[in-house]
Amino acid sequence: TEKAMELMVKSASRILRAHKCSLFTVETRSLPQVSPRAKRSGIKKLDLALIPENDSKIDGENKYLLCHIADEDFEGSEVEWGKGLVGTVAQTSKTINIANAYEDERFCQDFDKKSGYRTRSILTVPIIAKKSVVGVIQAINKMGPADHFSDDDVVILETIANNA
């Protein structure tokens, strides 16, 4: 539920001493279909070129991530499967811990540019249920004497994610 997700994110932020935390869920939408007759005649129902050519297409559905808990400007936004840190973590099921966001090519600077915020360190962890990624939790900007998330922080956030 939305309240449980919010509690998880707030708890993670407090425990990790992260300035911000966000939660993304895996969502799917049906892919457009082209009839056999339309294929033969070259007519398309929809422009299929807009569908990403990556691992997000599974069983006729297109996966993406939807942000539920974040800053008001970012909440409700979508992240393409396999793109940026959140999309990469969802696709690979592997945690990413970055000490300097701007030194990593996977970091998407759009939020920083839009809001004027400066992201420094990022810890991004998959939420896995029944051997599938169902979401991603992301902690941003470690506060306190350390300026990046530690290995202990990784274990803590992975534990929170595994108990979601």
Protein backbone atom coordinates (compact mmCIF):
# COMPACT_ATOMS: atom_id res chain seq x y z
CA THR A 1 0.00 0.00 0.00
CA GLU A 2 0.97 3.64 -0.40
CA LYS A 3 1.33 4.15 3.39
CA ALA A 4 3.61 1.13 3.73
CA MET A 5 5.78 2.37 0.85
CA GLU A 6 5.99 5.82 2.41
CA LEU A 7 6.97 4.36 5.79
CA MET A 8 9.66 2.21 4.17
CA VAL A 9 11.17 5.19 2.35
CA LYS A 10 11.08 7.48 5.40
CA SER A 11 12.64 4.78 7.59
CA ALA A 12 15.38 4.11 5.03
CA SER A 13 16.14 7.81 4.74
CA ARG A 14 16.38 8.23 8.51
CA ILE A 15 18.46 5.08 9.15
CA LEU A 16 20.88 5.77 6.28
CA ARG A 17 21.06 9.50 6.99
CA ALA A 18 20.15 10.15 3.36
CA HIS A 19 18.93 13.58 2.32
CA LYS A 20 16.34 12.04 -0.02
CA CYS A 21 14.89 8.61 -0.74
CA SER A 22 12.63 7.54 -3.59
CA LEU A 23 10.68 4.40 -4.39
CA PHE A 24 9.91 3.14 -7.89
CA THR A 25 7.62 0.25 -8.82
CA VAL A 26 7.83 -1.89 -11.95
CA GLU A 27 4.82 -1.27 -14.19
CA THR A 28 3.83 -2.68 -17.57
CA ARG A 29 1.77 -1.48 -20.49
CA SER A 30 0.59 -3.52 -23.44
CA LEU A 31 2.49 -3.11 -26.67
CA PRO A 32 0.57 -2.03 -29.74
CA GLN A 33 -0.31 -4.86 -32.07
CA VAL A 34 -0.06 -4.85 -35.85
CA SER A 35 -2.43 -7.17 -37.67
CA PRO A 36 -0.99 -9.67 -40.20
CA ARG A 37 -2.92 -7.91 -42.98
CA ALA A 38 -1.48 -4.53 -41.96
CA LYS A 39 2.02 -6.01 -41.91
CA ARG A 40 1.61 -7.33 -45.48
CA SER A 41 0.31 -3.98 -46.73
CA GLY A 42 2.88 -1.95 -44.82
CA ILE A 43 0.21 -0.13 -42.80
CA LYS A 44 0.90 0.27 -39.09
CA LYS A 45 -1.73 0.76 -36.40
CA LEU A 46 0.74 2.77 -34.33
CA ASP A 47 4.27 3.96 -34.87
CA LEU A 48 6.21 0.98 -33.53
CA ALA A 49 9.47 2.90 -33.73
CA LEU A 50 8.54 4.52 -30.41
CA ILE A 51 8.83 1.21 -28.55
CA PRO A 52 12.26 0.79 -26.92
CA GLU A 53 14.39 -2.00 -28.38
CA ASN A 54 15.72 -3.47 -25.14
CA ASP A 55 14.92 -6.12 -22.54
CA SER A 56 11.82 -4.23 -21.45
CA LYS A 57 9.66 -6.05 -24.02
CA ILE A 58 8.50 -9.25 -22.37
CA ASP A 59 5.43 -11.29 -23.36
CA GLY A 60 3.82 -8.44 -25.26
CA GLU A 61 4.29 -5.92 -22.48
CA ASN A 62 6.61 -2.97 -22.08
CA LYS A 63 8.18 -2.56 -18.62
CA TYR A 64 8.99 0.79 -17.04
CA LEU A 65 9.40 2.19 -13.52
CA LEU A 66 6.98 4.59 -11.88
CA CYS A 67 8.14 6.89 -9.08
CA HIS A 68 5.76 6.83 -6.12
CA ILE A 69 7.59 8.44 -3.21
CA ALA A 70 9.86 11.38 -3.99
CA ASP A 71 9.88 15.14 -4.29
CA GLU A 72 6.61 16.53 -5.63
CA ASP A 73 8.32 17.55 -8.89
CA PHE A 74 9.48 13.99 -9.56
CA GLU A 75 6.67 11.86 -8.11
CA GLY A 76 4.63 10.16 -10.80
CA SER A 77 7.43 10.36 -13.33
CA GLU A 78 8.44 7.33 -15.37
CA VAL A 79 11.89 5.82 -15.85
CA GLU A 80 12.59 3.70 -18.90
CA TRP A 81 13.60 0.10 -18.21
CA GLY A 82 17.39 -0.24 -18.42
CA LYS A 83 18.02 3.54 -18.48
CA GLY A 84 19.73 5.59 -15.78
CA LEU A 85 20.60 4.14 -12.40
CA VAL A 86 17.06 3.12 -11.46
CA GLY A 87 16.39 1.44 -14.81
CA THR A 88 19.77 -0.31 -14.78
CA VAL A 89 19.22 -1.68 -11.26
CA ALA A 90 15.76 -2.91 -12.27
CA GLN A 91 17.11 -4.59 -15.39
CA THR A 92 20.18 -6.21 -13.78
CA SER A 93 18.79 -6.87 -10.26
CA LYS A 94 22.09 -5.55 -8.90
CA THR A 95 22.72 -2.79 -6.36
CA ILE A 96 24.61 0.31 -7.51
CA ASN A 97 26.46 2.48 -4.97
CA ILE A 98 28.06 5.64 -6.38
CA ALA A 99 30.18 8.08 -4.38
CA ASN A 100 30.09 10.81 -7.06
CA ALA A 101 26.98 10.81 -9.26
CA TYR A 102 28.40 13.14 -11.91
CA GLU A 103 31.28 10.75 -12.58
CA ASP A 104 28.92 7.93 -13.57
CA GLU A 105 27.55 7.99 -17.12
CA ARG A 106 24.36 6.18 -16.04
CA PHE A 107 23.37 9.09 -13.78
CA CYS A 108 20.54 11.12 -15.32
CA GLN A 109 20.98 14.80 -14.46
CA ASP A 110 17.45 15.86 -15.48
CA PHE A 111 16.10 16.21 -11.91
CA ASP A 112 19.12 18.27 -10.81
CA LYS A 113 18.82 20.54 -13.84
CA LYS A 114 15.07 21.02 -13.34
CA SER A 115 15.17 21.61 -9.58
CA GLY A 116 18.59 23.15 -8.95
CA TYR A 117 19.36 20.26 -6.57
CA ARG A 118 22.91 18.85 -6.52
CA THR A 119 23.11 15.06 -6.29
CA ARG A 120 26.39 13.78 -4.91
CA SER A 121 26.14 10.18 -3.71
CA ILE A 122 23.51 7.61 -4.70
CA LEU A 123 22.64 4.15 -3.42
CA THR A 124 20.14 2.27 -5.62
CA VAL A 125 18.80 -1.16 -4.62
CA PRO A 126 16.35 -3.56 -6.31
CA ILE A 127 13.24 -4.77 -4.49
CA ILE A 128 12.84 -8.43 -5.39
CA ALA A 129 9.84 -10.70 -4.83
CA LYS A 130 9.52 -14.25 -6.15
CA LYS A 131 12.83 -13.90 -8.04
CA SER A 132 11.64 -10.84 -10.00
CA VAL A 133 12.35 -7.16 -9.55
CA VAL A 134 9.13 -5.45 -8.45
CA GLY A 135 10.64 -2.09 -7.56
CA VAL A 136 13.71 -0.03 -6.79
CA ILE A 137 14.56 2.09 -3.76
CA GLN A 138 17.08 4.89 -4.08
CA ALA A 139 18.86 6.92 -1.38
CA ILE A 140 20.49 10.20 -2.36
CA ASN A 141 23.19 12.30 -0.67
CA LYS A 142 24.59 10.75 2.50
CA MET A 143 24.54 13.30 5.30
CA GLY A 144 27.04 13.51 8.14
CA PRO A 145 30.79 13.06 8.28
CA ALA A 146 30.81 10.56 5.40
CA ASP A 147 29.92 12.01 2.01
CA HIS A 148 29.01 8.66 0.44
CA PHE A 149 27.12 5.49 1.34
CA SER A 150 29.19 2.75 2.98
CA ASP A 151 29.13 -1.02 2.56
CA ASP A 152 27.11 -1.14 5.80
CA ASP A 153 24.57 1.24 4.23
CA VAL A 154 24.29 -1.14 1.28
CA VAL A 155 23.51 -4.05 3.61
CA ILE A 156 20.94 -1.96 5.49
CA LEU A 157 19.10 -0.78 2.36
CA GLU A 158 19.18 -4.26 0.80
CA THR A 159 17.69 -5.64 4.04
CA ILE A 160 14.92 -3.02 3.96
CA ALA A 161 14.26 -3.81 0.27
CA ASN A 162 14.21 -7.57 0.88
CA ASN A 163 11.58 -7.13 3.59
CA ALA A 164 9.31 -4.88 1.55
